[in-house]
Amino acid sequence: MVRQNLVAERLVIEHYRDLIRHFGDKDPTTRRMLEHILEEEEGHATHMHDLLVAHEGEGTLPAHTS
């Protein structure tokens, strides 16, 4: 279940990154709000990754980079 949550977090993170790119300078207030949410989601993903590492001894999913 932790692995599934980590995958879901990474998908959500990518979605927020896409939204941030979309809004860019057109709506800086919305962009800042999304950046704050993205920061929280990245923290959730880190936590899920750390739980997975603690349970399995190593990270089993490659880090997703954009």
PDB file of N, CA and C in Angstrom:
ATOM      1  N   MET A   1       0.817  -1.180   0.000  1.00  0.00           N
ATOM      2  CA  MET A   1       0.000   0.000   0.000  1.00  0.00           C
ATOM      3  C   MET A   1       0.873   1.260   0.000  1.00  0.00           C
ATOM      4  N   VAL A   2       1.989   1.218   0.707  1.00  0.00           N
ATOM      5  CA  VAL A   2       2.894   2.374   0.729  1.00  0.00           C
ATOM      6  C   VAL A   2       3.420   2.643  -0.679  1.00  0.00           C
ATOM      7  N   ARG A   3       3.767   1.578  -1.381  1.00  0.00           N
ATOM      8  CA  ARG A   3       4.270   1.730  -2.748  1.00  0.00           C
ATOM      9  C   ARG A   3       3.200   2.379  -3.642  1.00  0.00           C
ATOM     10  N   GLN A   4       1.960   1.942  -3.513  1.00  0.00           N
ATOM     11  CA  GLN A   4       0.874   2.524  -4.308  1.00  0.00           C
ATOM     12  C   GLN A   4       0.674   4.001  -3.963  1.00  0.00           C
ATOM     13  N   ASN A   5       0.780   4.341  -2.682  1.00  0.00           N
ATOM     14  CA  ASN A   5       0.659   5.740  -2.276  1.00  0.00           C
ATOM     15  C   ASN A   5       1.792   6.575  -2.850  1.00  0.00           C
ATOM     16  N   LEU A   6       2.996   6.024  -2.876  1.00  0.00           N
ATOM     17  CA  LEU A   6       4.129   6.749  -3.431  1.00  0.00           C
ATOM     18  C   LEU A   6       3.921   6.994  -4.928  1.00  0.00           C
ATOM     19  N   VAL A   7       3.460   5.998  -5.638  1.00  0.00           N
ATOM     20  CA  VAL A   7       3.184   6.166  -7.067  1.00  0.00           C
ATOM     21  C   VAL A   7       2.121   7.248  -7.256  1.00  0.00           C
ATOM     22  N   ALA A   8       1.069   7.194  -6.455  1.00  0.00           N
ATOM     23  CA  ALA A   8       0.004   8.200  -6.556  1.00  0.00           C
ATOM     24  C   ALA A   8       0.538   9.597  -6.255  1.00  0.00           C
ATOM     25  N   GLU A   9       1.366   9.733  -5.229  1.00  0.00           N
ATOM     26  CA  GLU A   9       1.950  11.034  -4.897  1.00  0.00           C
ATOM     27  C   GLU A   9       2.769  11.566  -6.065  1.00  0.00           C
ATOM     28  N   ARG A  10       3.533  10.704  -6.688  1.00  0.00           N
ATOM     29  CA  ARG A  10       4.371  11.149  -7.814  1.00  0.00           C
ATOM     30  C   ARG A  10       3.521  11.583  -9.002  1.00  0.00           C
ATOM     31  N   LEU A  11       2.406  10.916  -9.219  1.00  0.00           N
ATOM     32  CA  LEU A  11       1.505  11.328 -10.290  1.00  0.00           C
ATOM     33  C   LEU A  11       0.884  12.687  -9.982  1.00  0.00           C
ATOM     34  N   VAL A  12       0.481  12.877  -8.737  1.00  0.00           N
ATOM     35  CA  VAL A  12      -0.097  14.159  -8.316  1.00  0.00           C
ATOM     36  C   VAL A  12       0.934  15.272  -8.450  1.00  0.00           C
ATOM     37  N   ILE A  13       2.166  14.995  -8.065  1.00  0.00           N
ATOM     38  CA  ILE A  13       3.245  15.985  -8.171  1.00  0.00           C
ATOM     39  C   ILE A  13       3.411  16.418  -9.625  1.00  0.00           C
ATOM     40  N   GLU A  14       3.417  15.473 -10.521  1.00  0.00           N
ATOM     41  CA  GLU A  14       3.576  15.808 -11.937  1.00  0.00           C
ATOM     42  C   GLU A  14       2.392  16.650 -12.425  1.00  0.00           C
ATOM     43  N   HIS A  15       1.211  16.326 -11.951  1.00  0.00           N
ATOM     44  CA  HIS A  15       0.030  17.098 -12.333  1.00  0.00           C
ATOM     45  C   HIS A  15       0.146  18.545 -11.839  1.00  0.00           C
ATOM     46  N   TYR A  16       0.557  18.729 -10.595  1.00  0.00           N
ATOM     47  CA  TYR A  16       0.721  20.087 -10.081  1.00  0.00           C
ATOM     48  C   TYR A  16       1.808  20.839 -10.849  1.00  0.00           C
ATOM     49  N   ARG A  17       2.872  20.165 -11.219  1.00  0.00           N
ATOM     50  CA  ARG A  17       3.914  20.830 -12.019  1.00  0.00           C
ATOM     51  C   ARG A  17       3.361  21.296 -13.360  1.00  0.00           C
ATOM     52  N   ASP A  18       2.529  20.451 -13.968  1.00  0.00           N
ATOM     53  CA  ASP A  18       1.897  20.841 -15.235  1.00  0.00           C
ATOM     54  C   ASP A  18       0.992  22.058 -15.044  1.00  0.00           C
ATOM     55  N   LEU A  19       0.214  22.052 -13.974  1.00  0.00           N
ATOM     56  CA  LEU A  19      -0.668  23.193 -13.697  1.00  0.00           C
ATOM     57  C   LEU A  19       0.128  24.465 -13.467  1.00  0.00           C
ATOM     58  N   ILE A  20       1.223  24.370 -12.732  1.00  0.00           N
ATOM     59  CA  ILE A  20       2.072  25.535 -12.469  1.00  0.00           C
ATOM     60  C   ILE A  20       2.619  26.085 -13.773  1.00  0.00           C
ATOM     61  N   ARG A  21       3.072  25.205 -14.654  1.00  0.00           N
ATOM     62  CA  ARG A  21       3.557  25.653 -15.964  1.00  0.00           C
ATOM     63  C   ARG A  21       2.431  26.314 -16.753  1.00  0.00           C
ATOM     64  N   HIS A  22       1.246  25.747 -16.669  1.00  0.00           N
ATOM     65  CA  HIS A  22       0.105  26.294 -17.405  1.00  0.00           C
ATOM     66  C   HIS A  22      -0.222  27.717 -16.941  1.00  0.00           C
ATOM     67  N   PHE A  23      -0.297  27.929 -15.639  1.00  0.00           N
ATOM     68  CA  PHE A  23      -0.668  29.235 -15.118  1.00  0.00           C
ATOM     69  C   PHE A  23       0.467  30.237 -15.231  1.00  0.00           C
ATOM     70  N   GLY A  24       1.694  29.790 -15.043  1.00  0.00           N
ATOM     71  CA  GLY A  24       2.860  30.642 -15.209  1.00  0.00           C
ATOM     72  C   GLY A  24       2.631  32.048 -14.712  1.00  0.00           C
ATOM     73  N   ASP A  25       2.853  33.025 -15.586  1.00  0.00           N
ATOM     74  CA  ASP A  25       2.685  34.434 -15.242  1.00  0.00           C
ATOM     75  C   ASP A  25       1.261  34.934 -15.490  1.00  0.00           C
ATOM     76  N   LYS A  26       0.413  34.075 -16.082  1.00  0.00           N
ATOM     77  CA  LYS A  26      -0.960  34.496 -16.384  1.00  0.00           C
ATOM     78  C   LYS A  26      -1.782  34.706 -15.113  1.00  0.00           C
ATOM     79  N   ASP A  27      -1.501  33.898 -14.097  1.00  0.00           N
ATOM     80  CA  ASP A  27      -2.245  33.979 -12.831  1.00  0.00           C
ATOM     81  C   ASP A  27      -1.286  33.658 -11.697  1.00  0.00           C
ATOM     82  N   PRO A  28      -0.480  34.647 -11.286  1.00  0.00           N
ATOM     83  CA  PRO A  28       0.547  34.385 -10.271  1.00  0.00           C
ATOM     84  C   PRO A  28      -0.020  33.965  -8.914  1.00  0.00           C
ATOM     85  N   THR A  29      -1.224  34.411  -8.580  1.00  0.00           N
ATOM     86  CA  THR A  29      -1.812  34.017  -7.298  1.00  0.00           C
ATOM     87  C   THR A  29      -2.114  32.525  -7.289  1.00  0.00           C
ATOM     88  N   THR A  30      -2.727  32.046  -8.345  1.00  0.00           N
ATOM     89  CA  THR A  30      -3.018  30.610  -8.454  1.00  0.00           C
ATOM     90  C   THR A  30      -1.719  29.819  -8.521  1.00  0.00           C
ATOM     91  N   ARG A  31      -0.742  30.324  -9.275  1.00  0.00           N
ATOM     92  CA  ARG A  31       0.546  29.635  -9.375  1.00  0.00           C
ATOM     93  C   ARG A  31       1.180  29.485  -7.997  1.00  0.00           C
ATOM     94  N   ARG A  32       1.185  30.545  -7.198  1.00  0.00           N
ATOM     95  CA  ARG A  32       1.787  30.468  -5.848  1.00  0.00           C
ATOM     96  C   ARG A  32       1.045  29.467  -4.967  1.00  0.00           C
ATOM     97  N   MET A  33      -0.284  29.453  -5.077  1.00  0.00           N
ATOM     98  CA  MET A  33      -1.073  28.501  -4.304  1.00  0.00           C
ATOM     99  C   MET A  33      -0.709  27.069  -4.703  1.00  0.00           C
ATOM    100  N   LEU A  34      -0.605  26.832  -6.009  1.00  0.00           N
ATOM    101  CA  LEU A  34      -0.245  25.503  -6.490  1.00  0.00           C
ATOM    102  C   LEU A  34       1.174  25.127  -6.081  1.00  0.00           C
ATOM    103  N   GLU A  35       2.080  26.090  -6.069  1.00  0.00           N
ATOM    104  CA  GLU A  35       3.452  25.818  -5.627  1.00  0.00           C
ATOM    105  C   GLU A  35       3.478  25.398  -4.166  1.00  0.00           C
ATOM    106  N   HIS A  36       2.637  26.017  -3.357  1.00  0.00           N
ATOM    107  CA  HIS A  36       2.552  25.632  -1.943  1.00  0.00           C
ATOM    108  C   HIS A  36       2.021  24.201  -1.811  1.00  0.00           C
ATOM    109  N   ILE A  37       0.971  23.892  -2.556  1.00  0.00           N
ATOM    110  CA  ILE A  37       0.420  22.538  -2.524  1.00  0.00           C
ATOM    111  C   ILE A  37       1.454  21.539  -3.028  1.00  0.00           C
ATOM    112  N   LEU A  38       2.174  21.892  -4.089  1.00  0.00           N
ATOM    113  CA  LEU A  38       3.209  21.019  -4.629  1.00  0.00           C
ATOM    114  C   LEU A  38       4.263  20.716  -3.572  1.00  0.00           C
ATOM    115  N   GLU A  39       4.661  21.735  -2.840  1.00  0.00           N
ATOM    116  CA  GLU A  39       5.658  21.538  -1.779  1.00  0.00           C
ATOM    117  C   GLU A  39       5.157  20.525  -0.747  1.00  0.00           C
ATOM    118  N   GLU A  40       3.892  20.619  -0.373  1.00  0.00           N
ATOM    119  CA  GLU A  40       3.318  19.657   0.577  1.00  0.00           C
ATOM    120  C   GLU A  40       3.293  18.250  -0.012  1.00  0.00           C
ATOM    121  N   GLU A  41       2.901  18.143  -1.276  1.00  0.00           N
ATOM    122  CA  GLU A  41       2.843  16.830  -1.927  1.00  0.00           C
ATOM    123  C   GLU A  41       4.241  16.207  -2.032  1.00  0.00           C
ATOM    124  N   GLU A  42       5.234  17.018  -2.308  1.00  0.00           N
ATOM    125  CA  GLU A  42       6.607  16.508  -2.355  1.00  0.00           C
ATOM    126  C   GLU A  42       7.033  15.992  -0.988  1.00  0.00           C
ATOM    127  N   GLY A  43       6.598  16.665   0.064  1.00  0.00           N
ATOM    128  CA  GLY A  43       6.870  16.176   1.416  1.00  0.00           C
ATOM    129  C   GLY A  43       6.192  14.840   1.677  1.00  0.00           C
ATOM    130  N   HIS A  44       4.956  14.703   1.205  1.00  0.00           N
ATOM    131  CA  HIS A  44       4.250  13.422   1.349  1.00  0.00           C
ATOM    132  C   HIS A  44       4.993  12.311   0.610  1.00  0.00           C
ATOM    133  N   ALA A  45       5.452  12.605  -0.596  1.00  0.00           N
ATOM    134  CA  ALA A  45       6.171  11.601  -1.387  1.00  0.00           C
ATOM    135  C   ALA A  45       7.469  11.202  -0.695  1.00  0.00           C
ATOM    136  N   THR A  46       8.157  12.175  -0.132  1.00  0.00           N
ATOM    137  CA  THR A  46       9.394  11.871   0.603  1.00  0.00           C
ATOM    138  C   THR A  46       9.091  10.959   1.785  1.00  0.00           C
ATOM    139  N   HIS A  47       8.025  11.267   2.488  1.00  0.00           N
ATOM    140  CA  HIS A  47       7.635  10.449   3.642  1.00  0.00           C
ATOM    141  C   HIS A  47       7.299   9.019   3.193  1.00  0.00           C
ATOM    142  N   MET A  48       6.531   8.879   2.121  1.00  0.00           N
ATOM    143  CA  MET A  48       6.187   7.547   1.609  1.00  0.00           C
ATOM    144  C   MET A  48       7.446   6.798   1.183  1.00  0.00           C
ATOM    145  N   HIS A  49       8.360   7.501   0.522  1.00  0.00           N
ATOM    146  CA  HIS A  49       9.612   6.880   0.095  1.00  0.00           C
ATOM    147  C   HIS A  49      10.410   6.406   1.308  1.00  0.00           C
ATOM    148  N   ASP A  50      10.505   7.246   2.322  1.00  0.00           N
ATOM    149  CA  ASP A  50      11.239   6.873   3.535  1.00  0.00           C
ATOM    150  C   ASP A  50      10.623   5.656   4.216  1.00  0.00           C
ATOM    151  N   LEU A  51       9.289   5.586   4.245  1.00  0.00           N
ATOM    152  CA  LEU A  51       8.619   4.411   4.811  1.00  0.00           C
ATOM    153  C   LEU A  51       8.949   3.161   4.010  1.00  0.00           C
ATOM    154  N   LEU A  52       8.950   3.290   2.691  1.00  0.00           N
ATOM    155  CA  LEU A  52       9.260   2.160   1.829  1.00  0.00           C
ATOM    156  C   LEU A  52      10.692   1.692   2.050  1.00  0.00           C
ATOM    157  N   VAL A  53      11.612   2.633   2.139  1.00  0.00           N
ATOM    158  CA  VAL A  53      13.015   2.294   2.376  1.00  0.00           C
ATOM    159  C   VAL A  53      13.164   1.610   3.730  1.00  0.00           C
ATOM    160  N   ALA A  54      12.495   2.130   4.743  1.00  0.00           N
ATOM    161  CA  ALA A  54      12.585   1.538   6.086  1.00  0.00           C
ATOM    162  C   ALA A  54      12.036   0.112   6.083  1.00  0.00           C
ATOM    163  N   HIS A  55      11.004  -0.117   5.291  1.00  0.00           N
ATOM    164  CA  HIS A  55      10.381  -1.432   5.266  1.00  0.00           C
ATOM    165  C   HIS A  55      11.145  -2.414   4.381  1.00  0.00           C
ATOM    166  N   GLU A  56      11.609  -1.959   3.231  1.00  0.00           N
ATOM    167  CA  GLU A  56      12.234  -2.856   2.265  1.00  0.00           C
ATOM    168  C   GLU A  56      13.750  -2.734   2.219  1.00  0.00           C
ATOM    169  N   GLY A  57      14.301  -1.741   2.879  1.00  0.00           N
ATOM    170  CA  GLY A  57      15.748  -1.605   2.937  1.00  0.00           C
ATOM    171  C   GLY A  57      16.353  -0.758   1.838  1.00  0.00           C
ATOM    172  N   GLU A  58      15.577  -0.441   0.826  1.00  0.00           N
ATOM    173  CA  GLU A  58      16.080   0.414  -0.250  1.00  0.00           C
ATOM    174  C   GLU A  58      14.901   0.953  -1.028  1.00  0.00           C
ATOM    175  N   GLY A  59      15.119   2.062  -1.690  1.00  0.00           N
ATOM    176  CA  GLY A  59      14.075   2.607  -2.541  1.00  0.00           C
ATOM    177  C   GLY A  59      13.912   1.726  -3.760  1.00  0.00           C
ATOM    178  N   THR A  60      12.706   1.306  -4.041  1.00  0.00           N
ATOM    179  CA  THR A  60      12.483   0.400  -5.159  1.00  0.00           C
ATOM    180  C   THR A  60      11.901   1.095  -6.369  1.00  0.00           C
ATOM    181  N   LEU A  61      11.516   2.348  -6.231  1.00  0.00           N
ATOM    182  CA  LEU A  61      11.012   3.102  -7.361  1.00  0.00           C
ATOM    183  C   LEU A  61      12.024   4.164  -7.727  1.00  0.00           C
ATOM    184  N   PRO A  62      12.333   4.306  -8.997  1.00  0.00           N
ATOM    185  CA  PRO A  62      13.282   5.355  -9.373  1.00  0.00           C
ATOM    186  C   PRO A  62      12.673   6.724  -9.112  1.00  0.00           C
ATOM    187  N   ALA A  63      13.523   7.662  -8.739  1.00  0.00           N
ATOM    188  CA  ALA A  63      13.051   9.035  -8.529  1.00  0.00           C
ATOM    189  C   ALA A  63      12.597   9.578  -9.869  1.00  0.00           C
ATOM    190  N   HIS A  64      11.480  10.281  -9.845  1.00  0.00           N
ATOM    191  CA  HIS A  64      10.939  10.864 -11.084  1.00  0.00           C
ATOM    192  C   HIS A  64      11.450  12.279 -11.199  1.00  0.00           C
ATOM    193  N   THR A  65      12.053  12.597 -12.311  1.00  0.00           N
ATOM    194  CA  THR A  65      12.549  13.957 -12.515  1.00  0.00           C
ATOM    195  C   THR A  65      11.897  14.547 -13.745  1.00  0.00           C
ATOM    196  N   SER A  66      11.749  15.844 -13.718  1.00  0.00           N
ATOM    197  CA  SER A  66      11.167  16.519 -14.879  1.00  0.00           C
ATOM    198  C   SER A  66      12.208  17.362 -15.544  1.00  0.00           C
TER     199      SER A  66
END
